[in-house]
Protein backbone atom coordinates (compact mmCIF):
# COMPACT_ATOMS: atom_id res chain seq x y z
CA MET A 1 -21.54 84.58 66.55
CA LEU A 2 -20.57 81.06 65.46
CA THR A 3 -20.54 81.03 61.67
CA ALA A 4 -18.95 77.70 60.73
CA LEU A 5 -18.22 74.23 62.10
CA GLN A 6 -15.96 71.82 60.22
CA ILE A 7 -15.45 68.25 61.40
CA ARG A 8 -13.18 65.56 59.91
CA ASP A 9 -13.02 61.91 61.07
CA PHE A 10 -14.53 62.49 64.50
CA ALA A 11 -16.59 59.64 66.04
CA LEU A 12 -19.19 58.76 63.37
CA VAL A 13 -18.54 61.90 61.35
CA GLU A 14 -16.41 61.49 58.25
CA GLN A 15 -16.82 65.07 57.03
CA VAL A 16 -19.20 67.85 57.96
CA ASP A 17 -18.98 71.47 56.81
CA LEU A 18 -21.70 73.38 58.57
CA GLU A 19 -22.59 77.03 58.08
CA LEU A 20 -24.54 78.62 60.94
CA GLN A 21 -26.60 81.78 61.02
CA GLN A 22 -28.01 84.34 63.44
CA GLY A 23 -31.26 83.54 65.17
CA MET A 24 -32.51 80.20 66.48
CA SER A 25 -31.23 77.04 64.78
CA VAL A 26 -32.43 73.55 65.71
CA LEU A 27 -30.74 70.22 65.14
CA THR A 28 -33.09 67.25 64.92
CA GLY A 29 -32.82 63.61 63.85
CA GLU A 30 -33.37 60.06 64.97
CA THR A 31 -31.96 58.97 68.32
CA GLY A 32 -28.34 57.94 67.79
CA ALA A 33 -27.96 59.90 64.56
CA GLY A 34 -25.13 61.94 66.04
CA LYS A 35 -26.63 65.21 67.25
CA SER A 36 -24.64 65.13 70.46
CA ILE A 37 -21.48 64.31 68.49
CA LEU A 38 -21.67 67.76 66.91
CA LEU A 39 -21.82 69.40 70.33
CA ASP A 40 -18.98 67.19 71.59
CA ALA A 41 -16.89 68.38 68.64
CA LEU A 42 -17.77 71.99 69.46
CA GLY A 43 -16.77 71.37 73.08
CA LEU A 44 -13.32 70.15 72.01
CA CYS A 45 -12.65 73.47 70.29
CA LEU A 46 -13.74 75.19 73.50
CA GLY A 47 -11.10 73.37 75.55
CA ASN A 48 -12.69 70.07 76.63
CA ARG A 49 -10.33 67.13 77.10
CA ALA A 50 -9.92 64.60 74.30
CA ASP A 51 -8.63 61.05 73.71
CA SER A 52 -7.78 58.95 70.69
CA GLY A 53 -11.02 56.95 71.05
CA LEU A 54 -12.85 59.90 69.48
CA ILE A 55 -11.10 59.39 66.12
CA ARG A 56 -13.24 57.79 63.42
CA HIS A 57 -12.40 54.11 62.87
CA GLY A 58 -9.71 53.73 60.22
CA ALA A 59 -8.56 57.37 60.36
CA LYS A 60 -5.22 58.60 61.70
CA ARG A 61 -6.50 61.80 63.25
CA ALA A 62 -9.59 63.91 63.86
CA GLU A 63 -9.84 67.62 63.13
CA ILE A 64 -12.46 70.10 64.32
CA GLY A 65 -12.54 73.76 63.38
CA ILE A 66 -14.94 76.56 64.29
CA GLU A 67 -15.12 80.15 63.15
CA PHE A 68 -16.66 83.17 64.87
CA GLU A 69 -17.63 86.56 63.56
CA LEU A 70 -16.67 88.75 66.50
CA GLY A 71 -18.31 92.04 65.59
CA ASP A 72 -18.39 94.46 68.51
CA ARG A 73 -16.80 92.32 71.22
CA PRO A 74 -14.10 94.54 72.78
CA GLU A 75 -13.36 92.10 75.61
CA VAL A 76 -12.66 89.31 73.08
CA TRP A 77 -10.48 91.55 70.89
CA GLN A 78 -8.55 92.67 73.98
CA TRP A 79 -7.99 89.06 75.09
CA LEU A 80 -6.71 88.10 71.62
CA VAL A 81 -4.34 91.07 71.54
CA GLU A 82 -3.01 90.32 75.04
CA HIS A 83 -2.21 86.74 73.97
CA ASP A 84 -0.82 87.76 70.56
CA LEU A 85 -3.55 85.76 68.80
CA GLU A 86 -5.50 88.51 67.04
CA GLU A 87 -6.64 88.56 63.41
CA GLU A 88 -8.28 91.35 61.43
CA THR A 89 -11.88 90.08 61.28
CA ALA A 90 -12.97 86.58 62.26
CA CYS A 91 -11.68 84.25 64.95
CA GLN A 92 -10.83 80.63 64.11
CA ILE A 93 -10.25 77.84 66.62
CA ARG A 94 -8.97 74.42 65.55
CA ARG A 95 -8.32 71.17 67.43
CA VAL A 96 -6.39 68.17 66.09
CA ILE A 97 -6.43 64.77 67.84
CA THR A 98 -3.95 62.09 66.72
CA SER A 99 -4.10 58.32 67.13
CA ASP A 100 -1.33 58.35 69.74
CA GLY A 101 -3.65 60.23 72.10
CA ARG A 102 -2.08 63.65 71.66
CA SER A 103 -4.00 66.75 70.72
CA ARG A 104 -3.05 70.22 69.53
CA GLY A 105 -5.02 73.43 69.63
CA TYR A 106 -4.79 76.51 67.45
CA ILE A 107 -6.33 79.98 67.66
CA ASN A 108 -6.14 81.97 64.43
CA GLY A 109 -3.56 79.53 63.12
CA ARG A 110 -1.22 79.86 66.10
CA PRO A 111 -0.61 77.13 68.73
CA ALA A 112 -2.75 77.59 71.85
CA THR A 113 -3.08 75.82 75.20
CA LEU A 114 -6.28 74.16 76.42
CA GLN A 115 -6.54 76.86 79.08
CA GLN A 116 -6.42 79.58 76.41
CA MET A 117 -9.09 77.76 74.38
CA ARG A 118 -11.30 77.52 77.48
CA GLU A 119 -10.84 81.20 78.36
CA LEU A 120 -11.72 82.30 74.84
CA GLY A 121 -14.58 79.80 74.57
CA GLU A 122 -16.19 81.06 77.78
CA MET A 123 -16.49 84.51 76.17
CA LEU A 124 -18.04 83.16 72.96
CA VAL A 125 -20.27 80.15 73.72
CA ASP A 126 -22.45 79.08 76.66
CA ILE A 127 -23.65 75.44 76.55
CA HIS A 128 -26.73 74.42 78.53
CA GLY A 129 -26.97 70.63 78.74
CA GLN A 130 -29.98 68.48 79.49
CA HIS A 131 -28.40 67.74 82.89
CA GLU A 132 -27.68 71.42 83.62
CA HIS A 133 -30.06 71.25 86.58
CA GLN A 134 -27.50 69.09 88.39
CA SER A 135 -25.04 72.00 88.56
CA LEU A 136 -27.88 74.29 89.65
CA MET A 137 -27.92 72.40 92.94
CA ARG A 138 -24.60 73.96 93.89
CA ARG A 139 -24.67 77.27 95.73
CA GLY A 140 -21.66 78.43 93.75
CA MET A 141 -23.56 78.04 90.48
CA GLN A 142 -26.61 79.79 91.95
CA ARG A 143 -24.45 82.73 92.97
CA GLN A 144 -22.81 82.88 89.52
CA LEU A 145 -26.20 82.95 87.80
CA LEU A 146 -27.50 85.75 90.03
CA ASP A 147 -24.32 87.81 89.66
CA GLY A 148 -24.28 87.26 85.91
CA TYR A 149 -27.92 88.32 85.67
CA GLY A 150 -27.28 91.40 87.82
CA GLY A 151 -24.05 92.37 86.01
CA HIS A 152 -21.92 92.35 89.18
CA ARG A 153 -18.53 91.73 87.60
CA GLN A 154 -16.92 95.02 88.74
CA PRO A 155 -17.64 94.79 92.48
CA LEU A 156 -16.72 91.08 92.45
CA GLU A 157 -13.35 91.82 90.85
CA ARG A 158 -12.67 94.49 93.48
CA LEU A 159 -13.69 92.16 96.31
CA ALA A 160 -11.35 89.47 94.97
CA GLN A 161 -8.48 92.00 94.90
CA LEU A 162 -9.22 93.12 98.46
CA ARG A 163 -9.46 89.50 99.66
CA ARG A 164 -6.02 88.67 98.17
CA ARG A 165 -4.50 91.79 99.76
CA TRP A 166 -6.15 90.95 103.11
CA GLN A 167 -4.60 87.46 103.06
CA GLU A 168 -1.17 88.88 102.25
CA LEU A 169 -1.29 91.49 105.05
CA ASN A 170 -2.65 88.95 107.53
CA GLU A 171 0.19 86.54 106.80
CA ARG A 172 2.80 89.29 107.24
CA LEU A 173 1.24 90.42 110.50
CA ALA A 174 1.13 86.84 111.80
CA ARG A 175 4.81 86.40 111.02
CA LEU A 176 5.70 89.56 112.93
CA GLN A 177 3.48 88.85 115.93
CA GLY A 178 4.25 85.15 116.25
CA ALA A 179 8.00 85.45 115.99
CA GLY A 180 8.90 85.84 119.71
CA GLN A 181 12.15 84.08 120.60
CA GLU A 182 12.38 82.75 117.05
CA ARG A 183 12.48 86.35 115.87
CA ASP A 184 15.43 87.14 118.19
CA ALA A 185 17.33 84.09 116.95
CA ARG A 186 16.57 85.04 113.37
CA MET A 187 17.84 88.57 113.97
CA ASP A 188 21.13 87.24 115.41
CA LEU A 189 21.59 84.99 112.38
CA LEU A 190 20.74 87.84 109.98
CA ARG A 191 23.30 90.15 111.64
CA TYR A 192 26.03 87.48 111.30
CA GLN A 193 25.15 86.80 107.66
CA ILE A 194 25.02 90.52 106.85
CA GLN A 195 28.43 91.03 108.49
CA GLU A 196 29.89 88.24 106.33
CA LEU A 197 28.43 89.69 103.13
CA GLU A 198 29.45 93.25 104.00
CA ALA A 199 33.01 92.05 104.65
CA LEU A 200 32.96 90.29 101.30
CA SER A 201 31.62 93.45 99.59
CA LEU A 202 30.87 91.60 96.39
CA ALA A 203 30.01 93.81 93.44
CA GLN A 204 27.61 92.89 90.65
CA GLY A 205 29.58 91.21 87.84
CA GLU A 206 32.73 90.87 89.95
CA VAL A 207 32.75 87.06 89.86
CA ALA A 208 32.97 86.97 86.08
CA GLU A 209 35.79 89.53 86.13
CA LEU A 210 37.70 87.58 88.83
CA GLU A 211 37.39 84.38 86.83
CA ARG A 212 38.77 86.08 83.72
CA GLU A 213 41.66 87.57 85.76
CA HIS A 214 42.38 84.19 87.36
CA HIS A 215 42.58 82.56 83.95
CA ARG A 216 45.11 85.18 82.78
CA LEU A 217 47.27 85.02 85.93
CA ALA A 218 47.27 81.20 86.08
CA ASN A 219 48.48 81.02 82.49
CA ALA A 220 50.83 84.05 82.55
CA SER A 221 54.07 82.04 82.19
CA GLN A 222 52.79 80.17 79.15
CA LEU A 223 51.39 83.35 77.62
CA LEU A 224 54.66 85.25 78.15
CA GLY A 225 56.94 82.52 76.77
CA GLU A 226 54.91 81.72 73.67
CA CYS A 227 54.15 85.36 72.86
CA ARG A 228 57.89 86.20 73.04
CA GLN A 229 58.65 83.28 70.74
CA ALA A 230 55.98 84.47 68.33
CA LEU A 231 57.37 88.03 68.43
CA GLU A 232 60.87 86.78 67.64
CA LEU A 233 59.60 84.73 64.67
CA LEU A 234 57.54 87.64 63.47
CA HIS A 235 60.00 90.51 63.80
CA GLU A 236 63.03 90.23 66.05
CA SER A 237 65.04 87.41 64.49
CA GLU A 238 67.67 88.97 62.21
CA GLU A 239 67.79 86.05 59.80
CA GLY A 240 64.60 84.04 60.00
CA SER A 241 61.84 86.48 61.04
CA VAL A 242 58.80 87.03 58.87
CA SER A 243 59.56 90.76 58.47
CA THR A 244 63.17 89.99 57.38
CA LEU A 245 62.03 87.42 54.82
CA LEU A 246 59.37 89.79 53.43
CA ALA A 247 61.97 92.58 53.02
CA ARG A 248 64.32 90.18 51.25
CA ILE A 249 61.58 89.10 48.84
CA VAL A 250 60.68 92.73 48.08
CA ARG A 251 64.32 93.58 47.31
CA LEU A 252 64.50 90.54 45.04
CA LEU A 253 61.41 91.43 43.02
CA GLU A 254 61.70 95.23 42.78
CA PRO A 255 64.26 95.25 39.91
CA LEU A 256 62.15 92.72 37.98
CA GLN A 257 58.98 94.82 37.71
CA GLU A 258 60.45 96.70 34.77
CA MET A 259 60.62 93.39 32.92
CA ASP A 260 57.15 92.14 34.00
CA GLU A 261 54.45 94.63 34.97
CA SER A 262 52.38 91.91 36.66
CA LEU A 263 54.94 91.89 39.48
CA ARG A 264 53.79 95.37 40.57
CA GLY A 265 50.62 93.91 42.03
CA VAL A 266 52.63 91.27 43.85
CA LEU A 267 54.93 93.96 45.30
CA GLU A 268 51.91 95.99 46.51
CA LEU A 269 50.59 92.93 48.35
CA LEU A 270 54.02 92.23 49.87
CA ASN A 271 54.44 95.84 51.00
CA GLY A 272 50.98 95.72 52.58
CA ALA A 273 51.88 92.47 54.31
CA SER A 274 55.05 94.07 55.65
CA ILE A 275 53.04 96.93 57.16
CA GLN A 276 50.58 94.49 58.80
CA VAL A 277 53.45 92.39 60.18
CA GLU A 278 54.96 95.56 61.71
CA GLU A 279 51.59 96.46 63.28
CA ALA A 280 51.08 92.91 64.58
CA ALA A 281 54.56 92.93 66.09
CA GLY A 282 53.80 96.23 67.82
CA GLU A 283 50.55 94.91 69.28
CA LEU A 284 52.27 91.71 70.40
CA HIS A 285 55.06 93.71 72.04
CA ARG A 286 52.55 95.82 73.99
CA GLY A 287 50.65 92.66 74.97
CA ILE A 288 53.85 91.08 76.33
CA ALA A 289 54.53 94.20 78.37
CA ALA A 290 51.03 93.92 79.92
CA ILE A 291 51.42 90.26 80.92
CA GLU A 292 52.07 90.14 84.62
CA LEU A 293 53.77 87.37 86.55
CA ASN A 294 52.22 88.08 89.95
CA PRO A 295 51.90 84.99 92.17
CA GLN A 296 50.72 87.13 95.12
CA ARG A 297 47.80 88.53 93.07
CA LEU A 298 46.99 85.04 91.77
CA GLN A 299 46.82 83.73 95.34
CA TRP A 300 44.55 86.60 96.40
CA VAL A 301 42.17 86.03 93.45
CA GLU A 302 42.00 82.28 94.18
CA GLU A 303 41.25 82.90 97.86
CA ARG A 304 38.52 85.45 97.05
CA LEU A 305 36.88 83.12 94.53
CA ALA A 306 36.99 80.30 97.10
CA THR A 307 35.28 82.56 99.69
CA ILE A 308 32.59 83.58 97.18
CA HIS A 309 31.90 79.94 96.21
CA GLN A 310 31.71 78.94 99.87
CA LEU A 311 29.14 81.66 100.69
CA ALA A 312 27.07 80.85 97.61
CA ARG A 313 26.91 77.16 98.66
CA LYS A 314 26.08 78.19 102.22
CA HIS A 315 23.07 80.22 101.06
CA ARG A 316 22.13 77.72 98.30
CA LEU A 317 22.44 80.36 95.61
CA GLU A 318 24.00 80.62 92.20
CA LEU A 319 27.12 82.81 92.11
CA GLU A 320 25.38 85.57 90.15
CA GLU A 321 22.54 85.69 92.74
CA LEU A 322 24.87 86.36 95.70
CA PRO A 323 25.24 90.18 95.31
CA ALA A 324 21.44 90.62 95.59
CA LEU A 325 21.31 88.68 98.88
CA LEU A 326 22.76 91.45 101.07
CA PRO A 327 19.98 94.04 100.50
CA GLN A 328 17.36 91.30 100.99
CA LEU A 329 18.78 90.29 104.36
CA GLN A 330 19.20 93.93 105.39
CA GLN A 331 15.54 94.61 104.56
CA GLU A 332 14.38 91.54 106.52
CA LEU A 333 16.47 92.58 109.52
CA LEU A 334 15.10 96.12 109.33
CA GLU A 335 11.51 94.80 109.33
CA LEU A 336 12.21 92.55 112.33
CA GLU A 337 13.92 95.37 114.25
CA GLN A 338 10.94 97.58 113.54
CA SER A 339 8.37 94.81 114.04
CA GLU A 340 6.27 96.69 116.59
CA THR A 341 6.07 99.75 114.40
CA ARG A 342 5.41 97.62 111.35
CA SER A 343 2.76 95.61 113.23
CA ARG A 344 0.86 98.81 114.01
CA GLU A 345 1.16 99.91 110.39
CA LEU A 346 -0.11 96.54 109.15
CA ARG A 347 -3.08 96.63 111.56
CA ASP A 348 -3.97 100.13 110.39
CA GLU A 349 -3.68 99.01 106.77
CA LEU A 350 -5.87 95.96 107.48
CA ASN A 351 -8.53 98.12 109.15
CA ALA A 352 -8.60 100.49 106.19
CA LEU A 353 -8.79 97.54 103.80
CA LEU A 354 -11.66 95.93 105.73
CA ALA A 355 -13.54 99.23 105.75
CA GLU A 356 -13.25 99.41 101.96
CA TYR A 357 -14.22 95.72 101.71
CA ASP A 358 -17.35 96.29 103.81
CA GLU A 359 -18.29 99.26 101.64
CA VAL A 360 -17.96 97.29 98.39
CA ALA A 361 -19.62 94.19 99.91
CA SER A 362 -22.57 96.27 101.16
CA GLU A 363 -23.00 97.78 97.71
CA LEU A 364 -22.92 94.27 96.19
CA THR A 365 -25.48 93.04 98.74
CA GLY A 366 -27.86 95.84 97.75
CA ARG A 367 -27.41 95.09 94.06
CA ARG A 368 -27.92 91.38 94.70
CA ARG A 369 -31.19 92.04 96.55
CA GLU A 370 -32.51 94.02 93.61
CA ALA A 371 -31.28 91.44 91.06
CA ALA A 372 -32.74 88.62 93.19
CA ARG A 373 -36.13 90.34 93.23
CA ARG A 374 -36.12 90.84 89.45
CA LEU A 375 -34.81 87.35 88.67
CA GLY A 376 -37.22 85.69 91.09
CA LYS A 377 -40.16 87.48 89.47
CA ALA A 378 -38.99 86.62 85.93
CA VAL A 379 -38.38 82.93 86.69
CA THR A 380 -41.71 82.66 88.55
CA GLY A 381 -43.47 84.04 85.46
CA ASN A 382 -41.59 81.62 83.27
CA MET A 383 -42.58 78.69 85.49
CA GLN A 384 -46.26 79.54 84.97
CA GLN A 385 -45.79 79.35 81.22
CA LEU A 386 -43.98 76.01 81.53
CA GLY A 387 -46.99 74.27 83.06
CA MET A 388 -46.21 75.00 86.71
CA GLU A 389 -49.19 77.23 87.51
CA GLY A 390 -48.99 78.56 91.02
CA GLY A 391 -45.30 77.75 91.31
CA ARG A 392 -42.96 80.29 92.86
CA PHE A 393 -39.24 81.00 92.68
CA GLU A 394 -37.36 83.05 95.24
CA ILE A 395 -33.71 83.90 95.80
CA ARG A 396 -32.48 84.29 99.35
CA LEU A 397 -29.25 85.87 100.55
CA VAL A 398 -27.83 84.01 103.56
CA PRO A 399 -25.10 85.80 105.58
CA GLN A 400 -21.72 84.09 105.64
CA GLU A 401 -21.00 82.30 108.92
CA SER A 402 -17.31 83.17 108.79
CA GLY A 403 -16.32 86.71 109.67
CA GLU A 404 -13.41 86.60 107.24
CA PRO A 405 -13.78 88.50 104.00
CA SER A 406 -14.71 86.30 101.04
CA ALA A 407 -13.93 86.91 97.38
CA PHE A 408 -17.71 86.67 96.76
CA GLY A 409 -19.07 89.05 99.37
CA ARG A 410 -20.73 88.71 102.75
CA GLU A 411 -23.53 86.31 101.80
CA GLN A 412 -24.33 83.04 100.07
CA VAL A 413 -27.02 82.78 97.41
CA GLU A 414 -29.76 80.16 97.68
CA PHE A 415 -32.52 79.31 95.17
CA TRP A 416 -35.85 78.42 96.79
CA VAL A 417 -38.89 77.07 94.91
CA ALA A 418 -42.43 75.87 95.33
CA ALA A 419 -43.37 73.78 92.32
CA ASN A 420 -47.12 73.71 93.01
CA PRO A 421 -49.67 76.08 94.57
CA GLY A 422 -50.02 75.74 98.32
CA GLN A 423 -46.60 74.17 98.74
CA PRO A 424 -44.06 75.92 100.99
CA LEU A 425 -40.88 77.27 99.47
CA GLN A 426 -37.88 75.00 99.93
CA PRO A 427 -34.28 74.91 98.66
CA LEU A 428 -33.97 73.92 95.01
CA ALA A 429 -31.87 70.89 95.97
CA LYS A 430 -34.88 69.41 97.84
CA VAL A 431 -37.30 69.50 94.88
CA ALA A 432 -38.33 65.85 94.54
CA SER A 433 -39.61 65.50 90.97
CA GLY A 434 -36.97 65.24 88.25
CA GLY A 435 -39.42 66.55 85.68
CA GLU A 436 -40.26 69.58 87.80
CA LEU A 437 -36.58 70.20 88.41
CA ALA A 438 -35.85 70.06 84.67
CA ARG A 439 -38.58 72.62 83.94
CA ILE A 440 -37.42 74.92 86.74
CA SER A 441 -33.90 74.63 85.41
CA LEU A 442 -35.11 75.55 81.91
CA ALA A 443 -37.07 78.53 83.27
CA ILE A 444 -33.90 79.80 85.01
CA GLN A 445 -31.69 79.15 81.99
CA VAL A 446 -33.92 81.00 79.54
CA VAL A 447 -34.26 84.05 81.81
CA THR A 448 -30.57 84.27 82.73
CA ALA A 449 -29.46 83.60 79.15
CA GLN A 450 -31.32 86.72 78.00
CA SER A 451 -29.03 88.86 80.13
CA ALA A 452 -25.84 87.04 79.15
CA SER A 453 -23.22 88.89 77.14
CA ILE A 454 -22.14 85.66 75.41
CA PRO A 455 -23.10 85.77 71.70
CA THR A 456 -23.87 82.06 71.16
CA LEU A 457 -26.09 79.94 73.43
CA VAL A 458 -26.36 76.17 72.93
CA PHE A 459 -29.22 74.15 74.45
CA ASP A 460 -28.70 70.38 74.37
CA GLU A 461 -32.08 68.64 74.81
CA VAL A 462 -33.04 70.84 77.76
CA ASP A 463 -36.68 70.18 76.82
CA VAL A 464 -36.52 66.47 77.70
CA GLY A 465 -39.55 65.38 79.70
CA ILE A 466 -41.93 68.08 78.47
CA GLY A 467 -44.33 68.13 75.53
CA GLY A 468 -47.51 69.57 74.11
CA GLY A 469 -48.30 73.19 74.89
CA VAL A 470 -45.37 73.50 77.31
CA ALA A 471 -42.93 72.45 74.58
CA GLU A 472 -44.45 75.04 72.26
CA ILE A 473 -43.92 77.74 74.89
CA VAL A 474 -40.30 76.61 75.32
CA GLY A 475 -39.86 76.94 71.56
CA ARG A 476 -41.31 80.44 71.60
CA GLN A 477 -38.97 81.47 74.41
CA LEU A 478 -35.96 80.13 72.56
CA ARG A 479 -37.09 81.87 69.36
CA THR A 480 -37.45 85.16 71.25
CA LEU A 481 -34.00 84.62 72.69
CA GLY A 482 -32.73 84.12 69.14
CA ARG A 483 -33.65 87.70 68.29
CA HIS A 484 -30.98 88.95 70.70
CA CYS A 485 -28.26 86.34 70.21
CA GLN A 486 -27.49 83.16 68.34
CA VAL A 487 -29.33 80.10 69.72
CA ILE A 488 -28.47 76.53 68.74
CA CYS A 489 -30.83 73.88 70.11
CA VAL A 490 -30.75 70.08 69.93
CA THR A 491 -34.31 68.86 70.39
CA HIS A 492 -36.70 65.93 69.94
CA GLN A 493 -39.76 68.16 70.35
CA PRO A 494 -41.56 69.14 67.11
CA GLN A 495 -43.18 72.04 68.93
CA VAL A 496 -39.70 73.45 69.62
CA ALA A 497 -38.32 72.70 66.16
CA ALA A 498 -41.26 74.48 64.49
CA GLN A 499 -40.28 77.74 66.18
CA ALA A 500 -36.74 77.84 64.80
CA HIS A 501 -35.46 80.32 62.22
CA HIS A 502 -33.24 77.58 60.74
CA HIS A 503 -33.51 73.79 60.80
CA LEU A 504 -30.63 71.29 60.41
CA LEU A 505 -31.26 67.56 60.03
CA VAL A 506 -28.71 65.15 61.48
CA SER A 507 -28.86 61.70 59.88
CA LYS A 508 -26.90 58.47 59.88
CA GLN A 509 -25.82 57.08 56.49
CA SER A 510 -24.50 53.57 55.81
CA GLY A 511 -22.39 52.43 52.87
CA ASP A 512 -19.40 50.33 51.91
CA GLY A 513 -17.15 52.61 53.95
CA GLY A 514 -19.25 52.05 57.10
CA THR A 515 -21.68 54.30 58.95
CA SER A 516 -21.31 58.07 59.07
CA THR A 517 -23.22 61.09 60.34
CA ALA A 518 -24.30 63.86 57.98
CA VAL A 519 -25.94 67.26 58.54
CA HIS A 520 -28.16 69.04 56.01
CA PRO A 521 -30.05 72.35 56.17
CA LEU A 522 -33.74 71.86 55.41
CA SER A 523 -35.95 73.84 53.08
CA ARG A 524 -39.43 74.85 54.22
CA GLU A 525 -41.06 71.73 52.72
CA GLN A 526 -38.33 69.48 54.09
CA ARG A 527 -38.92 70.99 57.51
CA VAL A 528 -42.59 70.05 57.28
CA GLU A 529 -41.59 66.45 56.47
CA GLU A 530 -39.17 66.32 59.41
CA LEU A 531 -41.80 67.75 61.79
CA ALA A 532 -44.23 65.09 60.52
CA ARG A 533 -41.64 62.39 61.29
CA MET A 534 -41.19 63.79 64.78
CA LEU A 535 -44.97 63.87 65.26
CA GLY A 536 -45.95 60.62 63.61
CA GLY A 537 -43.14 58.17 64.08
CA VAL A 538 -42.88 55.28 61.60
CA LYS A 539 -46.16 55.79 59.70
CA ILE A 540 -46.73 59.32 58.43
CA THR A 541 -50.24 60.07 57.19
CA GLY A 542 -51.65 63.03 55.29
CA GLN A 543 -53.19 64.19 58.52
CA THR A 544 -49.75 64.14 60.16
CA ILE A 545 -48.32 66.19 57.28
CA SER A 546 -51.20 68.66 57.61
CA HIS A 547 -50.64 68.92 61.35
CA ALA A 548 -46.90 69.47 60.81
CA ARG A 549 -47.55 72.18 58.21
CA GLU A 550 -49.97 73.95 60.55
CA MET A 551 -47.43 73.73 63.40
CA MET A 552 -44.72 75.11 61.11
CA GLU A 553 -46.84 78.05 59.94
CA ARG A 554 -47.89 78.89 63.48
CA GLY A 555 -44.31 78.72 64.72
CA GLN A 556 -42.94 80.94 61.95
CA ALA A 557 -45.74 83.45 62.35
CA SER A 558 -44.52 84.31 65.84
CA GLY A 559 -41.87 86.65 64.40
């Protein structure tokens, strides 16, 4: 679950250090106090895009950090390990935005991309906004909700794999079948190119060896002349060679060591130098013997290198890539020569793949029917509690018009509703009343969220447009949800706030340094005062306080 949120110099927030707990937590405060700013900051750590306009006025950068206690979340641990971002216990995500418009992300102290932050965030937090019903209009979102509720991840992953393989095989079959005269021309070209490469018979690593040999042969005269001169200076000159001079020095100093013992060390060094000079002269002599003046070989090497460069340019390849070209062209030619046989094999493979696809898709259809029945019943029951007595919710599976396999199965998912008794069911997108749509959306969200595997659910003013007893029921549902996972709810409804396990007050403070947003956890008595403000507005009477206290006690008594 989300255990901490730290914000520095973000929008109106100068500094907030917020500790969060299990259960249902509400954030309340006056309009404009900054409740949504906290969720915007959370969204940045979950991979949302940022710009420098979000930095607090006068600051150079904004920083947001969140921390999660992962507990038993094997899929999250596995993801962290796969991306080399794991830590022993908690998981920390940090986002830094600088005044030049750049931003950096970190997971457990290591740099991370926005995509990585989004992937991780999707496993940890699910945010339901007050305009969530807009996305519910899309069939794709309706299908995702049903499949998430039914736990259909495994068959969907298999269908996606089969769909990708089907596309690949189809493309290969189309290339073989549609080749015709182009195929014959391609085969003629391949045979010519293969003949050229086979005649070249280029071995892996040969180019580098030829270039080294060319360098030696091209510089053989210089090497031979200067090495001979060096050998003469080192050893072969009778008067001025290094070995002759060293021997002369040794003979000069040997009689003197009896007079000065320190010369013994000098003589040892000179004798050692003489031995090394002899060894160096031997090596140099053998090297000279190996140097070859071979203009015919040099010409052959230059011609071979020229041929190799010409073929590499012809095929638009780097020199080191050329040896691998021959087996590729041979394989392509073999496939074209055996195109009829291969076409039959591909058709057989496609038929087998489609048979498996139909089997998996049929299983998914059956599971979707059962999940649709259960979800429809649960949402219908929830609608009754949310002041829509007699309303109905139904999920229909509509067969795909296209006969091609889809990554999502053989049908589309459609949400149908009747908001009032006696009304016919119609697609969710055609529900006229915005208030009804918001309540239907909330009914769906609460039901589907209960089956979600995500540990933290955030509801941002999803109770807008409702009040009274309906708001109290919404609060109860969110509180019940908080027994199974962490729920964070931004609300203006006192009936919802009274149900929470924890209450955080967001307020705006003004001073010499300007205006800033602060967040404070409330004690039981402070919660009563905040509920009274939400109930009574500007003037709070004793009766309002009494009503708030009663609401608080009733909400907390629900377990």
